[in-house]
C-alpha cells in the first residue's frame, strides 16, 4: 500500500470537516440550499483531488470521475459519494497500491461511499446491462487525472447510449412507475419520500437524464424555457421547489445523522423546529400549525416539480409522426391521443376557449397537446377575478352535470391553476395539510378523491358499491350532489367551524356559476350537515326514536337523505385506505333505512319503534319458548328493557338468555361465548355476569392488563342485576384474539370473582400501549343531554391507546355513574368514543357541577 504523508492527510481531513461544519452553520442561517449542495460538492472535489495527488505518483494513468448527485454538484450532508476510478491498462498491478491508499483515505470522510476502479471496456459493458450504471455515467463529471481517459470513456459511452436510447428511456419510465407504486402513488402522502416519491427529487433528475439521452449536449433546465417547453415563471417555480426539497433533505440528514429520505411524523416536527417554522416550541397548537404550514409548502413544491417535469417529459417523448385529426369546432381538433388547436392567436383572443378546452378534455377523455397545455398555462390568469359570461357559466355547470371523467378533469384544472382562478376558496386550500394519522390526503386532494369515489361506484366491484350505486342512480339532481361532494370541506383551513363556513362558501360559489337560490341552498345544506350521518350512525344509539326524529328534521326529505348518504360514503372512503369498514357501512345503512321508513310511512319514529318492539318481542318469545318453555321465556322477557329487545339481534338475544339460564340453574357467577373472526381482524365476546359490582370496569381492566384492544362494547343491565356485555376485541395491530389469549382473560376474571385477585393487583402490572412520537390529536370531552331522553352522552376525543376505554370507565365508576353503551370508533391515532351513561338511580345526569367534575377528571386521564 502506498504510504501517505500522515500530516498532509490530517490537514486535508481537518480542512474538510472544518469547512463542512461551516456549511452546516450557513444552512441554519438560511443560505440557499442549492448553493449549499454546490459548495459541499466543491469542498468534496477539493478533498478528493488532494487525496488522489497523495495516493498516485503518476495521476495521468487514471481519471477520477464523480457520479450521481455528486456528479451534478448536488451533495446533501449525508448523501452517498459515488466515485469511479477509470484506467486504460489491462493490468492494474502498478496502480493497486495507490488505489488502496486512495480508498482508505476516502473512508475517513465518514460518508457512504461508492467506489469502483474499472477500465473503459468494463465500464461500457456494464452500462449496456445495468440501468443504474448508465444513469450514473449520464451524470458523470471529470474531477482529476488524465482528461483524455475520461474523454475516451464518454465518447464511447455516447455511442452506446445513442444505440440504446429507446431502451433506456423505456426502462427509466418503467422504473418511474415502480417507484411511484412503492412510495404510495401520490404527492400527498402524510409521510412523503422526498427523494423517490411522486413530486420528489427523482422526478427532477429523471427528466434531466432523459434529456441528456435525447440531446447529449443538454446542459440544464434553463434550456427548456428557450425551447418554449415551459414558461420563464415555470422555470423559476421549478428551481425554487427543488431548492426547498434540498433544504428539507439536508435538515433530515442532520437530524438523523445519516441519509434518510422519508419525512416521517416525528421528523416533521423536528424539521419544522430546526428550520424556524415553530414560533413556540412549548405550545402543541403552535407546533401543529407550524408543521401544517411547512408540509403545505412541501406539497406545493412537490406538486410544482411533478406537474412541470411531466409537461417537459411529454414534449421530450412526443414522437413526430403524422396523425389524422378530426375537427371538434372551428378552433379545436382531436387526434386519437390528444386535443389540439389550429390557431394560437385565435385561442388567445377569447378567454372562453380556456373553458372549452376542459369541456372537450372531459368529453373525449384525451390529453392536451403540449402546445395547448403551454397556452393554457400561459393564459390561465385571465380568468382570475374575471366576470364570467353566461356561456362560461354554462360550461362550468356542464362539467359538473355528470361525474364521468370529472375527477381527471378537476385534477388537470388544478394542475394548470384554472380551478384556483375560478374558485379562489379552493385555491386557498391547495395542499392544505392536516397533521394526523387519519387523513392520507391534503384537503384539496381529498375533495377530488371524494368525487372519484363517486365515479368509481359504477365499477360495481363489491356488494357495498352496488348497493350505494343503486341509491345514487335514484337521485334526481346528481349535479347538486356532485357539487356537494366536491365542496364538502371547502371551509377547512380557517379558524372556525368548517361545516358552517363551508356551507356559506358553497352557496356563494353556486350562485357565482348561475345556479338559482333553491339549488344553492340544497348544496349549502348538504355541506353544512356532511358530518352528521357519520357522527350519528357511529356515535349515537340508533334504537332511540329521538335520534331518528332529530335526524329527520335535519334532512327534511327523501332526496336530501339519499344525497347525504352517498356524500357520507364518498367522503369517508376518500380519507384513507381501510378507514371505512363493514361495521361503519352497516351503521350508515341502518340510519338511512330507519329515517327512510319515517318518510315513507308518514308516522313518527316513536310509533315505528313501538310496532317493532311488539313484533320483535313476539318473535323472541316464540324462539325462547321452543328452547326453554313459555314460563321461562316470559321470566326473561319481563326482566329486559325495551331498548335491549329492539337493539339486539334475535339470535344474539337467544344466545344471551341461554347463558343466563346456565348461570341461574347452575349457580355460576358468569357465562360466556367466544368467536375468533380471523379474516375480520377481531374476535367477538359475549359475557353474562350476575351480582357483580361494576362488571364492565373489571372486564375492560383485565383486557387492558393483557394489552388487548377494545373495538366496541355494549352493556345491558337487567332488572335482576344480571349484566350482558358484548365486545369486539383485537390485538394492538388489529388482528383477532386467539383462544389461548382469551383463556388468559377467563383465568384472571375467575380469580377476581373468587377474591383471589383484585383489579388493583392486575392494573399494577399494566402494559402501557404504544404512543407514537407525534403531536397528539385534538383532545376534548363534550356533554350531550339533548340527543337521548334517558341517557346523558359523553363524547370523547383523545389519542387512541390500549387502556383508554378502561381509564374512561374508571372515571365514571368513581363518580357512581354507570355506562350502558359505549360506541367506540377510531380515526387514525384518534379515538372518537361516545358513552351513554346514567346515575345509580338510573336517571340522566342533570347536576351541572357533577357534570363539570366528571368532564375535568376525564380530560385528566385522556391526556395521560
Foldseek 3Di string as FASTA:
>chain_A
DQDFDVVLLVVLLVVLVVVLVVLVVVLLVPPFLLVSLLVNLVSVLVSLVSLLVRLDVALQQWWKKWWDCSLVSRDFPQDETEIEIEGADPDCVVVVRSVVSSVVSVVVNVHHYHYYYDYLVVLLVVLLPDLVSVLGVLSMDTRDHHVVSVVVSVVVSLVSLLVCVVVSLVVLVVVLVVLQVVQPVDLFFLFGQQDSYQLHVVLLSSLVSNCCSVPVPDDHPVVCCVVLLAPPVLVVLLVVLNSLSSSLQNLVCVVVVHRDGTRDFLNLLVSLVSNPQQPDNVDLVSSQVSSLVSQLSNSSSSLSSNLSSVSSVLVSPDDPDDFDWADPDQFWIDTPAEIEGDDLVVCLVDPLSLLVRLLVCQVVVHYHDSVVLNSNLVRLCVLAVDQDDLSSLVSVLVLLQDLRSNLVSVVSCVSSCNCCRLQVLLVVQRSRDRSFQFFRGGPQQLLSQLSVVVVCLVVVPDPLSVVLVVLQVPADRSSLLNLLSNQLQSQPPDPDDSLQVSLVSQLVSVVSSPDDNVSSNLSSLLSNCLCVLLCCLQAHQLLFLLLLVVVCVSQVALNSLSSSLSSNVSSQPSRDPPQDDPSSSVSSVSSSVLNVCCRVVVDGSVVVSVVVLVVQLVVLQVVVCVVPRNVLSVVVVVFFDSSVSNPDDSVVVSVQSVQVVVCVVVVDQKDKDKAWPFVQLWIKMKMKGADDPQVVLLLLLLCQLLQKAWQFWAWGATPRRIIIIITIIHHPVSGYDDPVSVVSSVVVVVCCVVVVDDSVRSNVNGDWWDDDPHSWDDWFWDWDPDSHPQWIKIWTKAFDTRCLVSQLQVLCVVVQKHFRTKRWHDRRRMITIMTTIDHNVRGYDDPPVSVVVSRVSSSVVRVD
